[in-house]
Amino acid sequence: MSQQNNIHVLIIDSPSPEESAIGLNEGSTLVAHLENAGIEHVYCQAKNREEFRNAVAHRKFQQQHGFQVTQILHLSCHGNRDGISLSEGSFLTWEQLASELRPLHEVCPNGLGVCLTSCFGAYGIKMAEVLSPIQVPFTWLIGTRRPLRVLDVCVAFPVLYNCYLRGDSPKNSIALLQQICSDDEIQMIYGPTTQQIYTSAFWIAFGVWVEGIIFGSASATSELTDRRVALPSINYR
C-alpha cells in the first residue's frame, strides 16, 4: 500500500433483488474505480444482518492486528428516515446499525468514516444523538436527507474518493457531490460534534424541567417537551 493512499475502504453492498437481477450494482462499480486509483479496499455483499456483522467483524480483526489505516465504510443499500434495509428484507434501525458499527469505530486510529449511499442516509445523524461520547459509532458520515438515485451515486462517489486523495477540503468535496447529484441536502455530519450539541441541548432542557418541578412552572415543563421534540432535527449543511 502506498503511504500517500493510506486509506482503506470497506464496501458493504446490499442491493435489492430487482437491482441484482438487472446487474445494477453500485458497490461493484465502485470497486473498479478504487482499483484504478490504487486505493486498498475489500468488497462484501451482505444480504442479511449476519453477513453484515461478519463483514464488519473481519475488518475489525484486521485493524486490531497491525493493519491500521484510515478506515472508510462505504455502505450501499436502501433506507428511509428510520434506518437501512438489506437485500433479504432485514431492516436495521439507526440504533441497531450503531451497535454494529461501534466496535469497528473503536479500533480505528482516526475513527470510522461512513459513506452511506442510501436514500435518507443523513438521518444516520441519529446514531450520534447520544449522551455519552463512547456511544458515537463514527467520526464522520456522508449522506442525504432525500431519496437518492443509484445512477447518480455511481458517478458521484468515485469523484469523492478522488477528492480525498487530492486532499481537497470536505466542504469542496461535498459541494461537488451536491452538484453531481443535483442534491443540496447531501451533508457531511461529524459524530463528536453532533454528540456535544445534542448533549448540551438535552441538559439545558433537563434544567428547564427541573426548574418547572421545583417552582411549579407548567410553562417550563411544556418548554422541555418542545425542546425534546426538536433535538433530533440537528442539521449540518
C-alpha atoms as a PDB file:
ATOM      1  CA  MET A   1       0.000   0.000   0.000  1.00  0.00           C
ATOM      2  CA  SER A   2       1.394   3.419  -0.818  1.00  0.00           C
ATOM      3  CA  GLN A   3       1.835   5.817   2.054  1.00  0.00           C
ATOM      4  CA  GLN A   4       0.104   8.515   0.031  1.00  0.00           C
ATOM      5  CA  ASN A   5      -3.081   6.473  -0.267  1.00  0.00           C
ATOM      6  CA  ASN A   6      -3.099   5.412   3.362  1.00  0.00           C
ATOM      7  CA  ILE A   7      -6.816   4.672   3.454  1.00  0.00           C
ATOM      8  CA  HIS A   8      -8.866   1.529   3.293  1.00  0.00           C
ATOM      9  CA  VAL A   9     -12.445   1.287   2.050  1.00  0.00           C
ATOM     10  CA  LEU A  10     -14.720  -1.494   3.239  1.00  0.00           C
ATOM     11  CA  ILE A  11     -17.566  -1.731   0.723  1.00  0.00           C
ATOM     12  CA  ILE A  12     -20.652  -3.453   2.065  1.00  0.00           C
ATOM     13  CA  ASP A  13     -23.120  -3.875  -0.756  1.00  0.00           C
ATOM     14  CA  SER A  14     -26.739  -4.861  -0.231  1.00  0.00           C
ATOM     15  CA  PRO A  15     -28.711  -4.265  -3.438  1.00  0.00           C
ATOM     16  CA  SER A  16     -32.365  -5.137  -3.784  1.00  0.00           C
ATOM     17  CA  PRO A  17     -33.240  -8.406  -5.582  1.00  0.00           C
ATOM     18  CA  GLU A  18     -34.577  -6.354  -8.505  1.00  0.00           C
ATOM     19  CA  GLU A  19     -31.278  -4.463  -8.827  1.00  0.00           C
ATOM     20  CA  SER A  20     -29.281  -7.688  -8.653  1.00  0.00           C
ATOM     21  CA  ALA A  21     -31.436  -9.221 -11.390  1.00  0.00           C
ATOM     22  CA  ILE A  22     -30.577  -6.448 -13.863  1.00  0.00           C
ATOM     23  CA  GLY A  23     -26.959  -6.043 -12.741  1.00  0.00           C
ATOM     24  CA  LEU A  24     -27.458  -2.594 -11.223  1.00  0.00           C
ATOM     25  CA  ASN A  25     -24.828  -2.728  -8.509  1.00  0.00           C
ATOM     26  CA  GLU A  26     -23.284   0.472  -7.179  1.00  0.00           C
ATOM     27  CA  GLY A  27     -20.824  -1.288  -4.891  1.00  0.00           C
ATOM     28  CA  SER A  28     -19.164  -3.355  -7.602  1.00  0.00           C
ATOM     29  CA  THR A  29     -18.993  -0.267  -9.840  1.00  0.00           C
ATOM     30  CA  LEU A  30     -17.013   1.486  -7.116  1.00  0.00           C
ATOM     31  CA  VAL A  31     -14.568  -1.435  -6.879  1.00  0.00           C
ATOM     32  CA  ALA A  32     -13.272  -0.829 -10.401  1.00  0.00           C
ATOM     33  CA  HIS A  33     -12.624   2.820  -9.630  1.00  0.00           C
ATOM     34  CA  LEU A  34     -10.800   2.100  -6.361  1.00  0.00           C
ATOM     35  CA  GLU A  35      -8.592  -0.455  -8.098  1.00  0.00           C
ATOM     36  CA  ASN A  36      -7.633   2.063 -10.777  1.00  0.00           C
ATOM     37  CA  ALA A  37      -6.944   4.700  -8.110  1.00  0.00           C
ATOM     38  CA  GLY A  38      -4.738   2.336  -6.098  1.00  0.00           C
ATOM     39  CA  ILE A  39      -6.954   2.535  -3.008  1.00  0.00           C
ATOM     40  CA  GLU A  40      -6.926  -0.516  -0.751  1.00  0.00           C
ATOM     41  CA  HIS A  41     -10.412  -1.961  -0.392  1.00  0.00           C
ATOM     42  CA  VAL A  42     -12.482  -5.022   0.387  1.00  0.00           C
ATOM     43  CA  TYR A  43     -15.833  -5.746  -1.242  1.00  0.00           C
ATOM     44  CA  CYS A  44     -18.511  -7.720   0.618  1.00  0.00           C
ATOM     45  CA  GLN A  45     -22.117  -8.479  -0.185  1.00  0.00           C
ATOM     46  CA  ALA A  46     -24.352  -8.568   2.865  1.00  0.00           C
ATOM     47  CA  LYS A  47     -27.792  -9.973   2.186  1.00  0.00           C
ATOM     48  CA  ASN A  48     -28.763 -10.093   5.870  1.00  0.00           C
ATOM     49  CA  ARG A  49     -27.669  -8.875   9.290  1.00  0.00           C
ATOM     50  CA  GLU A  50     -25.428 -11.884   9.974  1.00  0.00           C
ATOM     51  CA  GLU A  51     -23.429 -11.300   6.796  1.00  0.00           C
ATOM     52  CA  PHE A  52     -23.249  -7.591   7.604  1.00  0.00           C
ATOM     53  CA  ARG A  53     -21.913  -8.346  11.083  1.00  0.00           C
ATOM     54  CA  ASN A  54     -19.346 -10.807   9.704  1.00  0.00           C
ATOM     55  CA  ALA A  55     -18.009  -8.246   7.227  1.00  0.00           C
ATOM     56  CA  VAL A  56     -17.551  -5.621   9.944  1.00  0.00           C
ATOM     57  CA  ALA A  57     -16.047  -8.140  12.400  1.00  0.00           C
ATOM     58  CA  HIS A  58     -13.454  -9.305   9.856  1.00  0.00           C
ATOM     59  CA  ARG A  59     -12.358  -5.738   9.234  1.00  0.00           C
ATOM     60  CA  LYS A  60     -12.171  -5.102  12.994  1.00  0.00           C
ATOM     61  CA  PHE A  61      -9.862  -8.115  13.348  1.00  0.00           C
ATOM     62  CA  GLN A  62      -7.544  -6.722  10.666  1.00  0.00           C
ATOM     63  CA  GLN A  63      -7.462  -3.305  12.337  1.00  0.00           C
ATOM     64  CA  GLN A  64      -6.565  -4.885  15.668  1.00  0.00           C
ATOM     65  CA  HIS A  65      -3.686  -6.885  14.172  1.00  0.00           C
ATOM     66  CA  GLY A  66      -1.486  -4.223  12.662  1.00  0.00           C
ATOM     67  CA  PHE A  67      -3.450  -3.155   9.570  1.00  0.00           C
ATOM     68  CA  GLN A  68      -4.263   0.259  10.992  1.00  0.00           C
ATOM     69  CA  VAL A  69      -5.115   2.886   8.400  1.00  0.00           C
ATOM     70  CA  THR A  70      -7.814   5.499   7.921  1.00  0.00           C
ATOM     71  CA  GLN A  71     -10.939   3.372   7.572  1.00  0.00           C
ATOM     72  CA  ILE A  72     -13.952   4.281   5.454  1.00  0.00           C
ATOM     73  CA  LEU A  73     -17.100   2.175   5.345  1.00  0.00           C
ATOM     74  CA  HIS A  74     -18.941   2.562   2.050  1.00  0.00           C
ATOM     75  CA  LEU A  75     -22.427   1.233   2.730  1.00  0.00           C
ATOM     76  CA  SER A  76     -24.517   0.766  -0.410  1.00  0.00           C
ATOM     77  CA  CYS A  77     -28.107  -0.193   0.375  1.00  0.00           C
ATOM     78  CA  HIS A  78     -31.658   1.093   0.591  1.00  0.00           C
ATOM     79  CA  GLY A  79     -33.013   3.066   3.505  1.00  0.00           C
ATOM     80  CA  ASN A  80     -35.510   5.504   4.933  1.00  0.00           C
ATOM     81  CA  ARG A  81     -35.631   8.012   7.776  1.00  0.00           C
ATOM     82  CA  ASP A  82     -35.641   5.202  10.369  1.00  0.00           C
ATOM     83  CA  GLY A  83     -32.704   3.076   9.175  1.00  0.00           C
ATOM     84  CA  ILE A  84     -31.430   0.849   6.368  1.00  0.00           C
ATOM     85  CA  SER A  85     -32.682  -2.312   4.673  1.00  0.00           C
ATOM     86  CA  LEU A  86     -30.641  -5.269   3.406  1.00  0.00           C
ATOM     87  CA  SER A  87     -31.166  -7.479   0.365  1.00  0.00           C
ATOM     88  CA  GLU A  88     -33.197 -10.231   2.045  1.00  0.00           C
ATOM     89  CA  GLY A  89     -35.504  -7.750   3.761  1.00  0.00           C
ATOM     90  CA  SER A  90     -33.734  -7.307   7.106  1.00  0.00           C
ATOM     91  CA  PHE A  91     -34.165  -3.808   8.496  1.00  0.00           C
ATOM     92  CA  LEU A  92     -31.671  -2.158  10.833  1.00  0.00           C
ATOM     93  CA  THR A  93     -32.825   0.857  12.797  1.00  0.00           C
ATOM     94  CA  TRP A  94     -30.238   3.563  13.347  1.00  0.00           C
ATOM     95  CA  GLU A  95     -29.772   2.311  16.892  1.00  0.00           C
ATOM     96  CA  GLN A  96     -29.138  -1.222  15.633  1.00  0.00           C
ATOM     97  CA  LEU A  97     -26.756  -0.027  12.935  1.00  0.00           C
ATOM     98  CA  ALA A  98     -24.850   1.993  15.532  1.00  0.00           C
ATOM     99  CA  SER A  99     -24.363  -1.135  17.634  1.00  0.00           C
ATOM    100  CA  GLU A 100     -22.929  -2.950  14.592  1.00  0.00           C
ATOM    101  CA  LEU A 101     -20.515  -0.133  13.683  1.00  0.00           C
ATOM    102  CA  ARG A 102     -19.308   0.892  17.135  1.00  0.00           C
ATOM    103  CA  PRO A 103     -16.781  -1.975  17.620  1.00  0.00           C
ATOM    104  CA  LEU A 104     -15.025  -1.119  14.338  1.00  0.00           C
ATOM    105  CA  HIS A 105     -15.048   2.608  15.079  1.00  0.00           C
ATOM    106  CA  GLU A 106     -13.379   1.969  18.437  1.00  0.00           C
ATOM    107  CA  VAL A 107     -10.342   0.204  16.940  1.00  0.00           C
ATOM    108  CA  CYS A 108      -9.717   2.637  14.055  1.00  0.00           C
ATOM    109  CA  PRO A 109      -6.917   5.123  14.834  1.00  0.00           C
ATOM    110  CA  ASN A 110      -8.873   8.048  13.352  1.00  0.00           C
ATOM    111  CA  GLY A 111     -12.300   6.590  13.962  1.00  0.00           C
ATOM    112  CA  LEU A 112     -14.649   5.360  11.256  1.00  0.00           C
ATOM    113  CA  GLY A 113     -15.761   7.417   8.278  1.00  0.00           C
ATOM    114  CA  VAL A 114     -19.055   6.345   6.698  1.00  0.00           C
ATOM    115  CA  CYS A 115     -20.319   6.960   3.172  1.00  0.00           C
ATOM    116  CA  LEU A 116     -23.973   5.957   3.287  1.00  0.00           C
ATOM    117  CA  THR A 117     -25.323   5.786  -0.255  1.00  0.00           C
ATOM    118  CA  SER A 118     -28.923   5.065   0.627  1.00  0.00           C
ATOM    119  CA  CYS A 119     -31.981   7.244   0.458  1.00  0.00           C
ATOM    120  CA  PHE A 120     -32.205   9.444   3.558  1.00  0.00           C
ATOM    121  CA  GLY A 121     -28.732   8.402   4.720  1.00  0.00           C
ATOM    122  CA  ALA A 122     -28.170  11.720   6.512  1.00  0.00           C
ATOM    123  CA  TYR A 123     -30.765  10.646   9.058  1.00  0.00           C
ATOM    124  CA  GLY A 124     -27.951   8.445  10.326  1.00  0.00           C
ATOM    125  CA  ILE A 125     -27.171  11.540  12.399  1.00  0.00           C
ATOM    126  CA  LYS A 126     -29.472   9.915  14.941  1.00  0.00           C
ATOM    127  CA  MET A 127     -26.692   7.412  15.686  1.00  0.00           C
ATOM    128  CA  ALA A 128     -24.668  10.282  17.189  1.00  0.00           C
ATOM    129  CA  GLU A 129     -27.545  11.851  19.132  1.00  0.00           C
ATOM    130  CA  VAL A 130     -26.492  10.165  22.358  1.00  0.00           C
ATOM    131  CA  LEU A 131     -25.440  11.358  25.803  1.00  0.00           C
ATOM    132  CA  SER A 132     -22.102   9.518  26.035  1.00  0.00           C
ATOM    133  CA  PRO A 133     -19.209  10.132  23.608  1.00  0.00           C
ATOM    134  CA  ILE A 134     -18.288   6.430  23.661  1.00  0.00           C
ATOM    135  CA  GLN A 135     -21.672   5.595  22.128  1.00  0.00           C
ATOM    136  CA  VAL A 136     -20.918   7.526  18.917  1.00  0.00           C
ATOM    137  CA  PRO A 137     -20.187   4.979  16.125  1.00  0.00           C
ATOM    138  CA  PHE A 138     -18.449   7.208  13.554  1.00  0.00           C
ATOM    139  CA  THR A 139     -16.151  10.193  13.165  1.00  0.00           C
ATOM    140  CA  TRP A 140     -17.999  11.464  10.131  1.00  0.00           C
ATOM    141  CA  LEU A 141     -20.869  10.361   7.921  1.00  0.00           C
ATOM    142  CA  ILE A 142     -21.857  11.454   4.419  1.00  0.00           C
ATOM    143  CA  GLY A 143     -25.462  11.046   3.340  1.00  0.00           C
ATOM    144  CA  THR A 144     -28.508  12.873   2.034  1.00  0.00           C
ATOM    145  CA  ARG A 145     -31.829  13.853   3.554  1.00  0.00           C
ATOM    146  CA  ARG A 146     -33.620  12.982   0.301  1.00  0.00           C
ATOM    147  CA  PRO A 147     -34.165   9.984  -1.995  1.00  0.00           C
ATOM    148  CA  LEU A 148     -31.008   9.172  -3.946  1.00  0.00           C
ATOM    149  CA  ARG A 149     -30.740   7.799  -7.492  1.00  0.00           C
ATOM    150  CA  VAL A 150     -28.402   4.824  -7.946  1.00  0.00           C
ATOM    151  CA  LEU A 151     -27.076   6.192 -11.238  1.00  0.00           C
ATOM    152  CA  ASP A 152     -26.104   9.476  -9.565  1.00  0.00           C
ATOM    153  CA  VAL A 153     -24.309   7.582  -6.804  1.00  0.00           C
ATOM    154  CA  CYS A 154     -22.332   5.509  -9.334  1.00  0.00           C
ATOM    155  CA  VAL A 155     -20.940   8.718 -10.802  1.00  0.00           C
ATOM    156  CA  ALA A 156     -20.606  10.888  -7.694  1.00  0.00           C
ATOM    157  CA  PHE A 157     -18.819   8.768  -5.116  1.00  0.00           C
ATOM    158  CA  PRO A 158     -15.811   7.792  -7.245  1.00  0.00           C
ATOM    159  CA  VAL A 159     -15.304  11.548  -7.592  1.00  0.00           C
ATOM    160  CA  LEU A 160     -15.485  11.880  -3.801  1.00  0.00           C
ATOM    161  CA  TYR A 161     -12.641   9.400  -3.347  1.00  0.00           C
ATOM    162  CA  ASN A 162     -10.591  11.295  -5.943  1.00  0.00           C
ATOM    163  CA  CYS A 163     -11.144  14.445  -3.900  1.00  0.00           C
ATOM    164  CA  TYR A 164      -9.960  12.620  -0.795  1.00  0.00           C
ATOM    165  CA  LEU A 165      -6.725  11.535  -2.495  1.00  0.00           C
ATOM    166  CA  ARG A 166      -6.082  15.079  -3.735  1.00  0.00           C
ATOM    167  CA  GLY A 167      -6.502  16.417  -0.213  1.00  0.00           C
ATOM    168  CA  ASP A 168      -9.495  18.593  -1.109  1.00  0.00           C
ATOM    169  CA  SER A 169     -11.385  20.142   1.772  1.00  0.00           C
ATOM    170  CA  PRO A 170     -14.543  18.362   2.967  1.00  0.00           C
ATOM    171  CA  LYS A 171     -16.543  21.496   2.118  1.00  0.00           C
ATOM    172  CA  ASN A 172     -15.412  21.453  -1.516  1.00  0.00           C
ATOM    173  CA  SER A 173     -15.891  17.683  -1.794  1.00  0.00           C
ATOM    174  CA  ILE A 174     -19.458  17.847  -0.504  1.00  0.00           C
ATOM    175  CA  ALA A 175     -20.238  20.776  -2.807  1.00  0.00           C
ATOM    176  CA  LEU A 176     -19.082  18.650  -5.749  1.00  0.00           C
ATOM    177  CA  LEU A 177     -21.269  15.725  -4.640  1.00  0.00           C
ATOM    178  CA  GLN A 178     -24.243  18.056  -4.368  1.00  0.00           C
ATOM    179  CA  GLN A 179     -23.636  19.349  -7.877  1.00  0.00           C
ATOM    180  CA  ILE A 180     -23.281  15.900  -9.471  1.00  0.00           C
ATOM    181  CA  CYS A 181     -26.383  14.519  -7.741  1.00  0.00           C
ATOM    182  CA  SER A 182     -28.385  17.781  -8.046  1.00  0.00           C
ATOM    183  CA  ASP A 183     -28.998  17.422  -4.321  1.00  0.00           C
ATOM    184  CA  ASP A 184     -28.139  20.245  -1.917  1.00  0.00           C
ATOM    185  CA  GLU A 185     -29.181  18.062   1.035  1.00  0.00           C
ATOM    186  CA  ILE A 186     -26.047  15.880   0.851  1.00  0.00           C
ATOM    187  CA  GLN A 187     -24.141  16.548   4.063  1.00  0.00           C
ATOM    188  CA  MET A 188     -21.039  15.594   5.988  1.00  0.00           C
ATOM    189  CA  ILE A 189     -22.038  15.026   9.608  1.00  0.00           C
ATOM    190  CA  TYR A 190     -19.402  14.972  12.346  1.00  0.00           C
ATOM    191  CA  GLY A 191     -20.203  12.438  15.060  1.00  0.00           C
ATOM    192  CA  PRO A 192     -18.400  14.019  18.063  1.00  0.00           C
ATOM    193  CA  THR A 193     -19.758  17.495  17.249  1.00  0.00           C
ATOM    194  CA  THR A 194     -23.306  16.167  16.916  1.00  0.00           C
ATOM    195  CA  GLN A 195     -22.999  14.366  20.242  1.00  0.00           C
ATOM    196  CA  GLN A 196     -21.802  17.515  22.005  1.00  0.00           C
ATOM    197  CA  ILE A 197     -24.618  19.643  20.587  1.00  0.00           C
ATOM    198  CA  TYR A 198     -27.212  17.011  21.433  1.00  0.00           C
ATOM    199  CA  THR A 199     -25.911  16.584  24.990  1.00  0.00           C
ATOM    200  CA  SER A 200     -25.844  20.339  25.608  1.00  0.00           C
ATOM    201  CA  ALA A 201     -29.412  20.695  24.367  1.00  0.00           C
ATOM    202  CA  PHE A 202     -30.522  17.750  26.498  1.00  0.00           C
ATOM    203  CA  TRP A 203     -29.090  19.151  29.727  1.00  0.00           C
ATOM    204  CA  ILE A 204     -30.474  22.633  29.035  1.00  0.00           C
ATOM    205  CA  ALA A 205     -33.896  21.064  28.549  1.00  0.00           C
ATOM    206  CA  PHE A 206     -33.429  18.931  31.656  1.00  0.00           C
ATOM    207  CA  GLY A 207     -32.589  22.052  33.663  1.00  0.00           C
ATOM    208  CA  VAL A 208     -35.789  23.689  32.452  1.00  0.00           C
ATOM    209  CA  TRP A 209     -37.735  20.595  33.506  1.00  0.00           C
ATOM    210  CA  VAL A 210     -36.162  20.588  36.992  1.00  0.00           C
ATOM    211  CA  GLU A 211     -36.928  24.271  37.339  1.00  0.00           C
ATOM    212  CA  GLY A 212     -40.523  23.562  36.410  1.00  0.00           C
ATOM    213  CA  ILE A 213     -40.760  20.818  39.057  1.00  0.00           C
ATOM    214  CA  ILE A 214     -39.212  22.981  41.776  1.00  0.00           C
ATOM    215  CA  PHE A 215     -41.163  26.146  41.055  1.00  0.00           C
ATOM    216  CA  GLY A 216     -44.294  24.523  39.689  1.00  0.00           C
ATOM    217  CA  SER A 217     -43.972  26.171  36.301  1.00  0.00           C
ATOM    218  CA  ALA A 218     -46.244  24.495  33.776  1.00  0.00           C
ATOM    219  CA  SER A 219     -44.735  26.612  31.004  1.00  0.00           C
ATOM    220  CA  ALA A 220     -41.247  25.393  31.847  1.00  0.00           C
ATOM    221  CA  THR A 221     -42.379  21.767  31.687  1.00  0.00           C
ATOM    222  CA  SER A 222     -44.083  22.473  28.381  1.00  0.00           C
ATOM    223  CA  GLU A 223     -40.892  24.080  27.084  1.00  0.00           C
ATOM    224  CA  LEU A 224     -38.975  20.911  27.947  1.00  0.00           C
ATOM    225  CA  THR A 225     -41.384  18.849  25.871  1.00  0.00           C
ATOM    226  CA  ASP A 226     -40.981  21.222  22.945  1.00  0.00           C
ATOM    227  CA  ARG A 227     -37.189  21.099  23.140  1.00  0.00           C
ATOM    228  CA  ARG A 228     -37.054  17.347  23.412  1.00  0.00           C
ATOM    229  CA  VAL A 229     -39.096  17.003  20.259  1.00  0.00           C
ATOM    230  CA  ALA A 230     -36.734  19.399  18.490  1.00  0.00           C
ATOM    231  CA  LEU A 231     -33.493  17.610  19.419  1.00  0.00           C
ATOM    232  CA  PRO A 232     -33.339  15.077  16.535  1.00  0.00           C
ATOM    233  CA  SER A 233     -33.572  17.820  13.914  1.00  0.00           C
ATOM    234  CA  ILE A 234     -29.932  18.962  14.223  1.00  0.00           C
ATOM    235  CA  ASN A 235     -28.829  19.697  10.679  1.00  0.00           C
ATOM    236  CA  TYR A 236     -25.370  20.380   9.178  1.00  0.00           C
ATOM    237  CA  ARG A 237     -25.170  21.961   5.760  1.00  0.00           C
END
